[in-house]
Amino acid sequence: MNDSQLITEVQGAALHVTFNRPEARNAMTWEMYQGLAEACTRVDEDPELRLMVLRGAGGRAFVAGTDIAQFKGFSGDDGVAYEARIDEVLGRLAAVTKPVVAVIDGHCVGGGLGIATCADIRVASTRASFSVPIAKTLGNTLSANTLRRLIRVFGEARVTSMLMLSRRIDAQEALVSGFLTEVTDDLDAAAQRTADQIGDAAPLTLWSIKENIRRLYAGEGIDDSDVIGTVYGSADFSAAVEAFLTKQSMTWQGR
């Protein structure tokens, strides 16, 4: 896939995937999610590719979540289907058999943070930041699977504070938490160095580590459709989408 919104290109042994909507801080469209899933299949099926590198265009954001305009008119059932689709795409990304590197510059928000959690290695610029401010923006929710991924990499206490307080954490805190492996002012050099190190490593060793980690953390499925449906079907969510798109303030009603 190589279009204006999501660009894939081979550089050496790496498949580079660039989220390319800088005017919208690389907010994801349905087509971009589909393109990401297709990129996962491509890197798995091509024996010449050793890793996948994810980046955002423009320097302002890695990915600023899902494009909010796509939520207009959502019902509870639409919310359940949406979160199921996100679970499917993130699950596919997490299941890539080769290393995935996220190169994060600027904001990494909501669905973008979900994407980043599925990478094996994450490097970031000093200006990177991480948040899921849904409690003050749209009033939507996350699936249990997405929460599990966030808690796995950040810890329950930090994730709870990020979500309930709409707290943004900076690159240094993300580094201390273990989420990032490196914070640098020369992100391009760090990204290339990381790709080179992975490209020089034993592929089956890397695969075995990924697979065993995946099996260690595999859990039973959770039916949370009633919770997701209630939130996405609420008057608050519908009103918040309208408020966001029209740049109006939002007063939460709890219904």
C-alpha atoms as a PDB file:
ATOM      1  CA  MET A   1       0.000   0.000   0.000  1.00  0.00           C
ATOM      2  CA  ASN A   2       1.352   3.421  -0.922  1.00  0.00           C
ATOM      3  CA  ASP A   3      -1.141   6.275  -0.845  1.00  0.00           C
ATOM      4  CA  SER A   4      -1.430   9.719   0.669  1.00  0.00           C
ATOM      5  CA  GLN A   5      -2.577   8.623   4.146  1.00  0.00           C
ATOM      6  CA  LEU A   6      -0.377   5.637   4.889  1.00  0.00           C
ATOM      7  CA  ILE A   7       2.934   5.055   3.140  1.00  0.00           C
ATOM      8  CA  THR A   8       4.812   1.782   3.144  1.00  0.00           C
ATOM      9  CA  GLU A   9       8.316   1.493   1.751  1.00  0.00           C
ATOM     10  CA  VAL A  10      11.175  -0.953   2.046  1.00  0.00           C
ATOM     11  CA  GLN A  11      14.478   0.380   3.352  1.00  0.00           C
ATOM     12  CA  GLY A  12      17.062  -2.376   3.558  1.00  0.00           C
ATOM     13  CA  ALA A  13      15.560  -5.198   5.590  1.00  0.00           C
ATOM     14  CA  ALA A  14      12.863  -3.007   7.143  1.00  0.00           C
ATOM     15  CA  LEU A  15       9.342  -2.213   6.058  1.00  0.00           C
ATOM     16  CA  HIS A  16       8.725   1.397   7.028  1.00  0.00           C
ATOM     17  CA  VAL A  17       5.120   2.382   7.654  1.00  0.00           C
ATOM     18  CA  THR A  18       4.438   6.114   7.863  1.00  0.00           C
ATOM     19  CA  PHE A  19       1.153   7.517   9.139  1.00  0.00           C
ATOM     20  CA  ASN A  20       0.811  10.446   6.784  1.00  0.00           C
ATOM     21  CA  ARG A  21      -1.896  12.900   7.772  1.00  0.00           C
ATOM     22  CA  PRO A  22       0.234  15.628   9.352  1.00  0.00           C
ATOM     23  CA  GLU A  23      -2.530  18.207   8.937  1.00  0.00           C
ATOM     24  CA  ALA A  24      -4.643  16.049  11.298  1.00  0.00           C
ATOM     25  CA  ARG A  25      -1.724  14.972  13.509  1.00  0.00           C
ATOM     26  CA  ASN A  26      -1.891  11.617  11.727  1.00  0.00           C
ATOM     27  CA  ALA A  27      -5.312  10.737  13.154  1.00  0.00           C
ATOM     28  CA  MET A  28      -6.303   7.313  11.873  1.00  0.00           C
ATOM     29  CA  THR A  29      -8.998   6.721   9.275  1.00  0.00           C
ATOM     30  CA  TRP A  30     -10.618   3.331   8.716  1.00  0.00           C
ATOM     31  CA  GLU A  31      -8.486   2.985   5.579  1.00  0.00           C
ATOM     32  CA  MET A  32      -5.298   3.622   7.555  1.00  0.00           C
ATOM     33  CA  TYR A  33      -6.209   0.921  10.067  1.00  0.00           C
ATOM     34  CA  GLN A  34      -6.803  -1.457   7.171  1.00  0.00           C
ATOM     35  CA  GLY A  35      -3.481  -0.447   5.597  1.00  0.00           C
ATOM     36  CA  LEU A  36      -1.682  -1.111   8.869  1.00  0.00           C
ATOM     37  CA  ALA A  37      -3.181  -4.606   9.050  1.00  0.00           C
ATOM     38  CA  GLU A  38      -2.104  -5.247   5.452  1.00  0.00           C
ATOM     39  CA  ALA A  39       1.427  -4.053   6.253  1.00  0.00           C
ATOM     40  CA  CYS A  40       1.572  -6.605   9.071  1.00  0.00           C
ATOM     41  CA  THR A  41       0.758  -9.388   6.622  1.00  0.00           C
ATOM     42  CA  ARG A  42       3.309  -8.083   4.160  1.00  0.00           C
ATOM     43  CA  VAL A  43       6.169  -8.079   6.671  1.00  0.00           C
ATOM     44  CA  ASP A  44       5.255 -11.559   7.891  1.00  0.00           C
ATOM     45  CA  GLU A  45       5.074 -13.051   4.400  1.00  0.00           C
ATOM     46  CA  ASP A  46       8.218 -11.485   2.901  1.00  0.00           C
ATOM     47  CA  PRO A  47      11.321 -13.483   3.938  1.00  0.00           C
ATOM     48  CA  GLU A  48      13.554 -10.559   2.958  1.00  0.00           C
ATOM     49  CA  LEU A  49      11.986  -8.290   5.550  1.00  0.00           C
ATOM     50  CA  ARG A  50      13.376  -8.549   9.067  1.00  0.00           C
ATOM     51  CA  LEU A  51      11.406  -5.877  10.907  1.00  0.00           C
ATOM     52  CA  MET A  52       8.729  -3.201  10.647  1.00  0.00           C
ATOM     53  CA  VAL A  53       9.246   0.459  11.617  1.00  0.00           C
ATOM     54  CA  LEU A  54       6.274   2.702  12.451  1.00  0.00           C
ATOM     55  CA  ARG A  55       6.497   6.501  12.241  1.00  0.00           C
ATOM     56  CA  GLY A  56       4.261   9.541  12.030  1.00  0.00           C
ATOM     57  CA  ALA A  57       4.776  12.275   9.443  1.00  0.00           C
ATOM     58  CA  GLY A  58       5.226  15.951  10.182  1.00  0.00           C
ATOM     59  CA  GLY A  59       7.063  15.934  13.513  1.00  0.00           C
ATOM     60  CA  ARG A  60       4.018  16.998  15.574  1.00  0.00           C
ATOM     61  CA  ALA A  61       2.559  13.582  16.318  1.00  0.00           C
ATOM     62  CA  PHE A  62       3.084   9.859  16.013  1.00  0.00           C
ATOM     63  CA  VAL A  63      -0.678   9.232  15.827  1.00  0.00           C
ATOM     64  CA  ALA A  64      -3.308  11.409  17.511  1.00  0.00           C
ATOM     65  CA  GLY A  65      -5.914   8.659  17.850  1.00  0.00           C
ATOM     66  CA  THR A  66      -8.796   7.882  15.527  1.00  0.00           C
ATOM     67  CA  ASP A  67     -10.220  10.661  13.359  1.00  0.00           C
ATOM     68  CA  ILE A  68     -13.110  11.928  15.477  1.00  0.00           C
ATOM     69  CA  ALA A  69     -15.243  12.882  12.478  1.00  0.00           C
ATOM     70  CA  GLN A  70     -15.733   9.161  11.879  1.00  0.00           C
ATOM     71  CA  PHE A  71     -17.661   8.861  15.172  1.00  0.00           C
ATOM     72  CA  LYS A  72     -20.474  11.174  14.103  1.00  0.00           C
ATOM     73  CA  GLY A  73     -23.835   9.444  14.496  1.00  0.00           C
ATOM     74  CA  PHE A  74     -22.380   6.485  16.397  1.00  0.00           C
ATOM     75  CA  SER A  75     -24.694   4.141  18.274  1.00  0.00           C
ATOM     76  CA  GLY A  76     -23.827   1.723  21.056  1.00  0.00           C
ATOM     77  CA  ASP A  77     -23.634  -1.100  18.519  1.00  0.00           C
ATOM     78  CA  ASP A  78     -21.314   1.000  16.378  1.00  0.00           C
ATOM     79  CA  GLY A  79     -19.083   1.490  19.420  1.00  0.00           C
ATOM     80  CA  VAL A  80     -18.937  -2.245  20.057  1.00  0.00           C
ATOM     81  CA  ALA A  81     -18.041  -2.878  16.396  1.00  0.00           C
ATOM     82  CA  TYR A  82     -15.425  -0.112  16.448  1.00  0.00           C
ATOM     83  CA  GLU A  83     -13.655  -1.396  19.545  1.00  0.00           C
ATOM     84  CA  ALA A  84     -13.786  -4.934  18.131  1.00  0.00           C
ATOM     85  CA  ARG A  85     -12.129  -3.677  14.950  1.00  0.00           C
ATOM     86  CA  ILE A  86      -9.447  -1.843  16.932  1.00  0.00           C
ATOM     87  CA  ASP A  87      -8.847  -5.025  18.955  1.00  0.00           C
ATOM     88  CA  GLU A  88      -8.498  -6.919  15.674  1.00  0.00           C
ATOM     89  CA  VAL A  89      -5.979  -4.502  14.160  1.00  0.00           C
ATOM     90  CA  LEU A  90      -3.942  -4.105  17.347  1.00  0.00           C
ATOM     91  CA  GLY A  91      -4.032  -7.854  17.847  1.00  0.00           C
ATOM     92  CA  ARG A  92      -2.715  -8.318  14.322  1.00  0.00           C
ATOM     93  CA  LEU A  93       0.066  -5.811  14.963  1.00  0.00           C
ATOM     94  CA  ALA A  94       0.990  -7.507  18.235  1.00  0.00           C
ATOM     95  CA  ALA A  95       1.061 -10.863  16.446  1.00  0.00           C
ATOM     96  CA  VAL A  96       3.606  -9.827  13.791  1.00  0.00           C
ATOM     97  CA  THR A  97       6.283 -12.499  13.938  1.00  0.00           C
ATOM     98  CA  LYS A  98       9.144 -10.069  13.355  1.00  0.00           C
ATOM     99  CA  PRO A  99      10.242  -7.140  15.540  1.00  0.00           C
ATOM    100  CA  VAL A 100       8.192  -3.961  15.354  1.00  0.00           C
ATOM    101  CA  VAL A 101       9.833  -0.628  16.204  1.00  0.00           C
ATOM    102  CA  ALA A 102       7.806   2.508  16.975  1.00  0.00           C
ATOM    103  CA  VAL A 103       9.636   5.778  16.359  1.00  0.00           C
ATOM    104  CA  ILE A 104       7.700   8.442  18.245  1.00  0.00           C
ATOM    105  CA  ASP A 105       8.012  12.169  17.684  1.00  0.00           C
ATOM    106  CA  GLY A 106       5.469  14.531  19.228  1.00  0.00           C
ATOM    107  CA  HIS A 107       2.089  13.479  20.571  1.00  0.00           C
ATOM    108  CA  CYS A 108       1.162   9.815  20.902  1.00  0.00           C
ATOM    109  CA  VAL A 109      -2.497   9.880  21.860  1.00  0.00           C
ATOM    110  CA  GLY A 110      -5.402   7.457  22.278  1.00  0.00           C
ATOM    111  CA  GLY A 111      -5.375   4.949  19.458  1.00  0.00           C
ATOM    112  CA  GLY A 112      -1.841   6.043  18.642  1.00  0.00           C
ATOM    113  CA  LEU A 113      -0.735   4.948  22.081  1.00  0.00           C
ATOM    114  CA  GLY A 114      -2.555   1.674  21.502  1.00  0.00           C
ATOM    115  CA  ILE A 115      -0.530   1.182  18.324  1.00  0.00           C
ATOM    116  CA  ALA A 116       2.706   2.028  20.123  1.00  0.00           C
ATOM    117  CA  THR A 117       2.005  -0.495  22.895  1.00  0.00           C
ATOM    118  CA  CYS A 118       2.006  -3.256  20.283  1.00  0.00           C
ATOM    119  CA  ALA A 119       5.573  -2.456  19.205  1.00  0.00           C
ATOM    120  CA  ASP A 120       8.466  -4.424  20.657  1.00  0.00           C
ATOM    121  CA  ILE A 121      10.893  -1.511  20.810  1.00  0.00           C
ATOM    122  CA  ARG A 122       9.943   2.147  21.226  1.00  0.00           C
ATOM    123  CA  VAL A 123      12.284   5.115  20.804  1.00  0.00           C
ATOM    124  CA  ALA A 124      11.148   8.708  21.120  1.00  0.00           C
ATOM    125  CA  SER A 125      12.231  12.300  20.813  1.00  0.00           C
ATOM    126  CA  THR A 126      12.563  14.458  23.895  1.00  0.00           C
ATOM    127  CA  ARG A 127       9.357  16.286  22.923  1.00  0.00           C
ATOM    128  CA  ALA A 128       7.246  13.139  22.740  1.00  0.00           C
ATOM    129  CA  SER A 129       4.249  12.843  25.049  1.00  0.00           C
ATOM    130  CA  PHE A 130       1.710  10.123  25.789  1.00  0.00           C
ATOM    131  CA  SER A 131      -1.938  10.368  26.820  1.00  0.00           C
ATOM    132  CA  VAL A 132      -5.452   8.967  26.514  1.00  0.00           C
ATOM    133  CA  PRO A 133      -7.580  12.024  27.425  1.00  0.00           C
ATOM    134  CA  ILE A 134     -10.954  10.463  26.605  1.00  0.00           C
ATOM    135  CA  ALA A 135     -12.482  11.435  29.966  1.00  0.00           C
ATOM    136  CA  LYS A 136     -12.342  15.115  28.973  1.00  0.00           C
ATOM    137  CA  THR A 137     -12.675  14.941  25.184  1.00  0.00           C
ATOM    138  CA  LEU A 138     -15.254  12.453  23.881  1.00  0.00           C
ATOM    139  CA  GLY A 139     -16.281  10.559  26.993  1.00  0.00           C
ATOM    140  CA  ASN A 140     -15.853   7.237  25.223  1.00  0.00           C
ATOM    141  CA  THR A 141     -14.034   4.205  26.591  1.00  0.00           C
ATOM    142  CA  LEU A 142     -11.443   1.542  25.848  1.00  0.00           C
ATOM    143  CA  SER A 143     -11.911  -2.155  25.372  1.00  0.00           C
ATOM    144  CA  ALA A 144     -10.629  -4.486  28.064  1.00  0.00           C
ATOM    145  CA  ASN A 145      -7.987  -5.754  25.617  1.00  0.00           C
ATOM    146  CA  THR A 146      -6.633  -2.249  25.004  1.00  0.00           C
ATOM    147  CA  LEU A 147      -6.576  -1.587  28.751  1.00  0.00           C
ATOM    148  CA  ARG A 148      -4.680  -4.822  29.284  1.00  0.00           C
ATOM    149  CA  ARG A 149      -2.044  -3.769  26.747  1.00  0.00           C
ATOM    150  CA  LEU A 150      -1.625  -0.359  28.383  1.00  0.00           C
ATOM    151  CA  ILE A 151      -1.365  -1.838  31.879  1.00  0.00           C
ATOM    152  CA  ARG A 152       1.151  -4.376  30.681  1.00  0.00           C
ATOM    153  CA  VAL A 153       3.581  -1.694  29.502  1.00  0.00           C
ATOM    154  CA  PHE A 154       2.849   1.156  31.947  1.00  0.00           C
ATOM    155  CA  GLY A 155       1.461  -0.508  35.077  1.00  0.00           C
ATOM    156  CA  GLU A 156      -2.027  -0.273  36.541  1.00  0.00           C
ATOM    157  CA  ALA A 157      -1.492   2.766  38.770  1.00  0.00           C
ATOM    158  CA  ARG A 158       0.019   4.890  36.007  1.00  0.00           C
ATOM    159  CA  VAL A 159      -2.646   3.871  33.462  1.00  0.00           C
ATOM    160  CA  THR A 160      -5.429   4.611  35.946  1.00  0.00           C
ATOM    161  CA  SER A 161      -4.067   8.099  36.597  1.00  0.00           C
ATOM    162  CA  MET A 162      -3.561   8.747  32.882  1.00  0.00           C
ATOM    163  CA  LEU A 163      -7.173   7.821  32.150  1.00  0.00           C
ATOM    164  CA  MET A 164      -9.006   9.198  35.164  1.00  0.00           C
ATOM    165  CA  LEU A 165      -7.024  12.442  35.358  1.00  0.00           C
ATOM    166  CA  SER A 166      -6.518  12.762  31.600  1.00  0.00           C
ATOM    167  CA  ARG A 167      -2.845  13.009  32.514  1.00  0.00           C
ATOM    168  CA  ARG A 168      -0.203  13.387  29.853  1.00  0.00           C
ATOM    169  CA  ILE A 169       3.196  11.885  30.576  1.00  0.00           C
ATOM    170  CA  ASP A 170       6.376  13.127  28.991  1.00  0.00           C
ATOM    171  CA  ALA A 171       9.174  11.193  27.354  1.00  0.00           C
ATOM    172  CA  GLN A 172      11.281  11.030  30.499  1.00  0.00           C
ATOM    173  CA  GLU A 173       8.500   9.468  32.569  1.00  0.00           C
ATOM    174  CA  ALA A 174       7.783   7.020  29.743  1.00  0.00           C
ATOM    175  CA  LEU A 175      11.477   6.097  29.726  1.00  0.00           C
ATOM    176  CA  VAL A 176      11.581   5.567  33.493  1.00  0.00           C
ATOM    177  CA  SER A 177       8.423   3.450  33.318  1.00  0.00           C
ATOM    178  CA  GLY A 178      10.138   1.115  30.849  1.00  0.00           C
ATOM    179  CA  PHE A 179       7.785   1.971  27.983  1.00  0.00           C
ATOM    180  CA  LEU A 180      10.602   3.575  25.986  1.00  0.00           C
ATOM    181  CA  THR A 181      14.049   2.148  25.384  1.00  0.00           C
ATOM    182  CA  GLU A 182      15.617   5.458  24.391  1.00  0.00           C
ATOM    183  CA  VAL A 183      14.886   9.187  24.417  1.00  0.00           C
ATOM    184  CA  THR A 184      17.032  11.288  22.125  1.00  0.00           C
ATOM    185  CA  ASP A 185      17.284  14.558  20.250  1.00  0.00           C
ATOM    186  CA  ASP A 186      18.576  12.646  17.214  1.00  0.00           C
ATOM    187  CA  LEU A 187      15.612  10.407  16.569  1.00  0.00           C
ATOM    188  CA  ASP A 188      16.578   9.491  13.010  1.00  0.00           C
ATOM    189  CA  ALA A 189      19.972   8.187  14.140  1.00  0.00           C
ATOM    190  CA  ALA A 190      18.401   6.222  16.990  1.00  0.00           C
ATOM    191  CA  ALA A 191      15.816   4.711  14.675  1.00  0.00           C
ATOM    192  CA  GLN A 192      18.468   3.652  12.172  1.00  0.00           C
ATOM    193  CA  ARG A 193      20.724   2.253  14.883  1.00  0.00           C
ATOM    194  CA  THR A 194      17.849   0.212  16.334  1.00  0.00           C
ATOM    195  CA  ALA A 195      16.856  -1.091  12.908  1.00  0.00           C
ATOM    196  CA  ASP A 196      20.454  -2.049  12.153  1.00  0.00           C
ATOM    197  CA  GLN A 197      20.819  -3.894  15.457  1.00  0.00           C
ATOM    198  CA  ILE A 198      17.629  -5.868  14.835  1.00  0.00           C
ATOM    199  CA  GLY A 199      18.579  -6.513  11.219  1.00  0.00           C
ATOM    200  CA  ASP A 200      21.869  -8.019  12.376  1.00  0.00           C
ATOM    201  CA  ALA A 201      20.298 -10.284  15.008  1.00  0.00           C
ATOM    202  CA  ALA A 202      19.207 -13.925  14.663  1.00  0.00           C
ATOM    203  CA  PRO A 203      15.672 -13.906  13.233  1.00  0.00           C
ATOM    204  CA  LEU A 204      14.544 -17.079  14.963  1.00  0.00           C
ATOM    205  CA  THR A 205      15.794 -15.842  18.308  1.00  0.00           C
ATOM    206  CA  LEU A 206      13.818 -12.657  17.884  1.00  0.00           C
ATOM    207  CA  TRP A 207      10.771 -14.622  16.797  1.00  0.00           C
ATOM    208  CA  SER A 208      11.050 -16.980  19.772  1.00  0.00           C
ATOM    209  CA  ILE A 209      11.226 -14.112  22.243  1.00  0.00           C
ATOM    210  CA  LYS A 210       8.171 -12.465  20.723  1.00  0.00           C
ATOM    211  CA  GLU A 211       6.207 -15.694  20.635  1.00  0.00           C
ATOM    212  CA  ASN A 212       6.989 -16.703  24.202  1.00  0.00           C
ATOM    213  CA  ILE A 213       6.147 -13.252  25.511  1.00  0.00           C
ATOM    214  CA  ARG A 214       2.864 -13.412  23.622  1.00  0.00           C
ATOM    215  CA  ARG A 215       2.047 -16.798  25.145  1.00  0.00           C
ATOM    216  CA  LEU A 216       2.970 -15.616  28.629  1.00  0.00           C
ATOM    217  CA  TYR A 217       0.478 -12.797  28.420  1.00  0.00           C
ATOM    218  CA  ALA A 218      -2.293 -14.545  26.499  1.00  0.00           C
ATOM    219  CA  GLY A 219      -5.545 -14.478  28.470  1.00  0.00           C
ATOM    220  CA  GLU A 220      -9.152 -15.465  28.169  1.00  0.00           C
ATOM    221  CA  GLY A 221     -11.422 -13.209  26.137  1.00  0.00           C
ATOM    222  CA  ILE A 222     -13.645 -10.793  28.032  1.00  0.00           C
ATOM    223  CA  ASP A 223     -17.183  -9.960  26.918  1.00  0.00           C
ATOM    224  CA  ASP A 224     -17.315  -6.220  27.543  1.00  0.00           C
ATOM    225  CA  SER A 225     -19.788  -5.391  24.785  1.00  0.00           C
ATOM    226  CA  ASP A 226     -22.438  -4.199  27.262  1.00  0.00           C
ATOM    227  CA  VAL A 227     -20.017  -1.659  28.771  1.00  0.00           C
ATOM    228  CA  ILE A 228     -18.749  -0.434  25.399  1.00  0.00           C
ATOM    229  CA  GLY A 229     -22.265  -0.282  23.962  1.00  0.00           C
ATOM    230  CA  THR A 230     -23.531   1.761  26.898  1.00  0.00           C
ATOM    231  CA  VAL A 231     -20.743   4.315  26.572  1.00  0.00           C
ATOM    232  CA  TYR A 232     -20.787   4.705  22.793  1.00  0.00           C
ATOM    233  CA  GLY A 233     -24.588   4.794  22.826  1.00  0.00           C
ATOM    234  CA  SER A 234     -24.764   7.524  25.474  1.00  0.00           C
ATOM    235  CA  ALA A 235     -26.014  11.061  24.990  1.00  0.00           C
ATOM    236  CA  ASP A 236     -22.722  12.319  26.442  1.00  0.00           C
ATOM    237  CA  PHE A 237     -20.666  10.641  23.706  1.00  0.00           C
ATOM    238  CA  SER A 238     -22.901  11.918  20.907  1.00  0.00           C
ATOM    239  CA  ALA A 239     -22.869  15.449  22.325  1.00  0.00           C
ATOM    240  CA  ALA A 240     -19.111  15.382  22.879  1.00  0.00           C
ATOM    241  CA  VAL A 241     -18.464  14.428  19.253  1.00  0.00           C
ATOM    242  CA  GLU A 242     -20.556  17.401  18.142  1.00  0.00           C
ATOM    243  CA  ALA A 243     -18.850  19.694  20.674  1.00  0.00           C
ATOM    244  CA  PHE A 244     -15.394  18.617  19.550  1.00  0.00           C
ATOM    245  CA  LEU A 245     -16.147  19.074  15.869  1.00  0.00           C
ATOM    246  CA  THR A 246     -17.753  22.495  16.412  1.00  0.00           C
ATOM    247  CA  LYS A 247     -15.106  23.572  18.964  1.00  0.00           C
ATOM    248  CA  GLN A 248     -17.674  24.075  21.732  1.00  0.00           C
ATOM    249  CA  SER A 249     -17.242  23.335  25.425  1.00  0.00           C
ATOM    250  CA  MET A 250     -18.749  20.125  26.775  1.00  0.00           C
ATOM    251  CA  THR A 251     -20.730  19.591  29.982  1.00  0.00           C
ATOM    252  CA  TRP A 252     -20.914  15.944  30.997  1.00  0.00           C
ATOM    253  CA  GLN A 253     -24.342  14.614  32.004  1.00  0.00           C
ATOM    254  CA  GLY A 254     -23.436  11.041  32.914  1.00  0.00           C
ATOM    255  CA  ARG A 255     -26.042   9.552  30.604  1.00  0.00           C
END
